[in-house]
């Protein structure tokens, strides 16, 4: 449980450093997933206030990239971690060519 300030600090910093699933956080800290969600919601504003800015989590949409770069000017190197996803094979010949990844003959 998160009974001490030290445990709470470790909990929230571990969350922002590793960004695991809430279910995983629950197993590691002996909490249920709703309790993890509650503690993250309670502790995040405190950490943001202590740092003077919001912590940067992985962006979920490419459109958020410009907002992220504008909000963190000291960010000089950006690494995008992603995976190719299969899509439906287009019927149009040129679209097939445009969408071909070149790997494993997949689209």
Protein backbone atom coordinates (compact mmCIF):
# COMPACT_ATOMS: atom_id res chain seq x y z
CA UNK A 1 0.00 0.00 0.00
CA UNK A 2 0.96 3.61 -0.38
CA UNK A 3 0.95 4.59 3.26
CA UNK A 4 4.08 6.77 3.36
CA UNK A 5 5.04 9.81 1.28
CA UNK A 6 8.19 7.96 0.23
CA UNK A 7 6.11 5.04 -1.13
CA UNK A 8 3.81 7.45 -2.97
CA UNK A 9 6.74 9.28 -4.53
CA UNK A 10 8.32 6.02 -5.68
CA UNK A 11 4.97 4.87 -7.06
CA UNK A 12 4.34 7.95 -9.20
CA UNK A 13 7.94 8.29 -10.39
CA UNK A 14 8.03 4.61 -11.32
CA UNK A 15 4.82 5.11 -13.26
CA UNK A 16 6.20 8.06 -15.25
CA UNK A 17 9.59 6.42 -15.82
CA UNK A 18 8.37 2.99 -16.99
CA UNK A 19 4.78 3.81 -17.98
CA UNK A 20 3.47 0.27 -17.34
CA UNK A 21 -0.14 -0.84 -17.56
CA UNK A 22 -2.20 -0.01 -14.51
CA UNK A 23 -2.81 -3.72 -13.95
CA UNK A 24 0.97 -4.24 -13.75
CA UNK A 25 1.28 -1.34 -11.32
CA UNK A 26 -1.41 -2.95 -9.20
CA UNK A 27 0.45 -6.25 -9.03
CA UNK A 28 3.76 -4.55 -8.20
CA UNK A 29 2.32 -2.31 -5.49
CA UNK A 30 -0.43 -4.55 -4.10
CA UNK A 31 -3.31 -2.45 -5.38
CA UNK A 32 -6.28 -3.00 -7.65
CA UNK A 33 -6.39 -1.31 -11.07
CA UNK A 34 -9.00 1.27 -9.93
CA UNK A 35 -6.84 2.11 -6.91
CA UNK A 36 -3.82 2.61 -9.18
CA UNK A 37 -5.88 4.92 -11.38
CA UNK A 38 -7.01 6.87 -8.32
CA UNK A 39 -3.46 7.27 -6.97
CA UNK A 40 -2.09 8.33 -10.34
CA UNK A 41 -4.85 10.93 -10.58
CA UNK A 42 -4.09 12.22 -7.08
CA UNK A 43 -0.30 12.28 -7.36
CA UNK A 44 0.19 13.57 -10.91
CA UNK A 45 -0.88 17.18 -10.14
CA UNK A 46 1.49 17.22 -7.16
CA UNK A 47 4.44 16.09 -9.27
CA UNK A 48 3.57 18.56 -12.01
CA UNK A 49 3.36 21.38 -9.45
CA UNK A 50 6.72 20.38 -7.96
CA UNK A 51 8.38 20.34 -11.39
CA UNK A 52 6.66 23.47 -12.63
CA UNK A 53 5.45 21.73 -15.80
CA UNK A 54 3.54 18.64 -16.83
CA UNK A 55 5.36 15.38 -17.34
CA UNK A 56 5.60 14.23 -20.94
CA UNK A 57 4.01 10.88 -21.65
CA UNK A 58 4.14 9.06 -24.98
CA UNK A 59 1.99 10.78 -27.55
CA UNK A 60 -0.95 8.76 -28.76
CA UNK A 61 -1.53 10.59 -32.05
CA UNK A 62 0.93 12.04 -34.57
CA UNK A 63 -0.96 15.34 -34.41
CA UNK A 64 0.24 15.72 -30.82
CA UNK A 65 3.87 15.86 -31.98
CA UNK A 66 3.84 19.56 -32.85
CA UNK A 67 2.21 20.37 -29.53
CA UNK A 68 4.83 18.28 -27.70
CA UNK A 69 7.75 19.97 -29.46
CA UNK A 70 6.30 23.43 -28.82
CA UNK A 71 5.74 22.66 -25.14
CA UNK A 72 9.23 21.29 -24.47
CA UNK A 73 11.75 23.53 -26.28
CA UNK A 74 14.76 21.78 -24.73
CA UNK A 75 13.77 18.57 -26.48
CA UNK A 76 16.31 18.21 -29.28
CA UNK A 77 16.20 14.51 -30.01
CA UNK A 78 12.96 12.75 -30.64
CA UNK A 79 12.65 9.01 -30.88
CA UNK A 80 9.41 7.58 -32.17
CA UNK A 81 8.90 3.98 -31.16
CA UNK A 82 6.38 2.28 -33.32
CA UNK A 83 5.51 -0.86 -35.17
CA UNK A 84 4.19 -1.44 -38.64
CA UNK A 85 0.60 -2.52 -38.75
CA UNK A 86 -1.02 -4.48 -41.51
CA UNK A 87 -3.69 -2.73 -43.55
CA UNK A 88 -6.18 -3.99 -46.12
CA UNK A 89 -4.63 -4.46 -49.49
CA UNK A 90 -5.84 -1.67 -51.81
CA UNK A 91 -7.44 -2.58 -55.14
CA UNK A 92 -5.88 0.31 -57.06
CA UNK A 93 -2.45 -0.57 -58.52
CA UNK A 94 -0.71 2.70 -57.54
CA UNK A 95 -2.11 2.60 -54.00
CA UNK A 96 -0.81 -0.96 -53.65
CA UNK A 97 2.65 0.28 -54.56
CA UNK A 98 2.43 3.28 -52.20
CA UNK A 99 1.38 1.12 -49.24
CA UNK A 100 3.90 -1.68 -49.78
CA UNK A 101 6.29 -1.74 -46.83
CA UNK A 102 8.90 -3.77 -48.64
CA UNK A 103 9.05 -6.14 -45.70
CA UNK A 104 7.62 -9.63 -45.76
CA UNK A 105 5.57 -8.77 -48.84
CA UNK A 106 3.03 -7.11 -46.55
CA UNK A 107 0.95 -4.00 -46.93
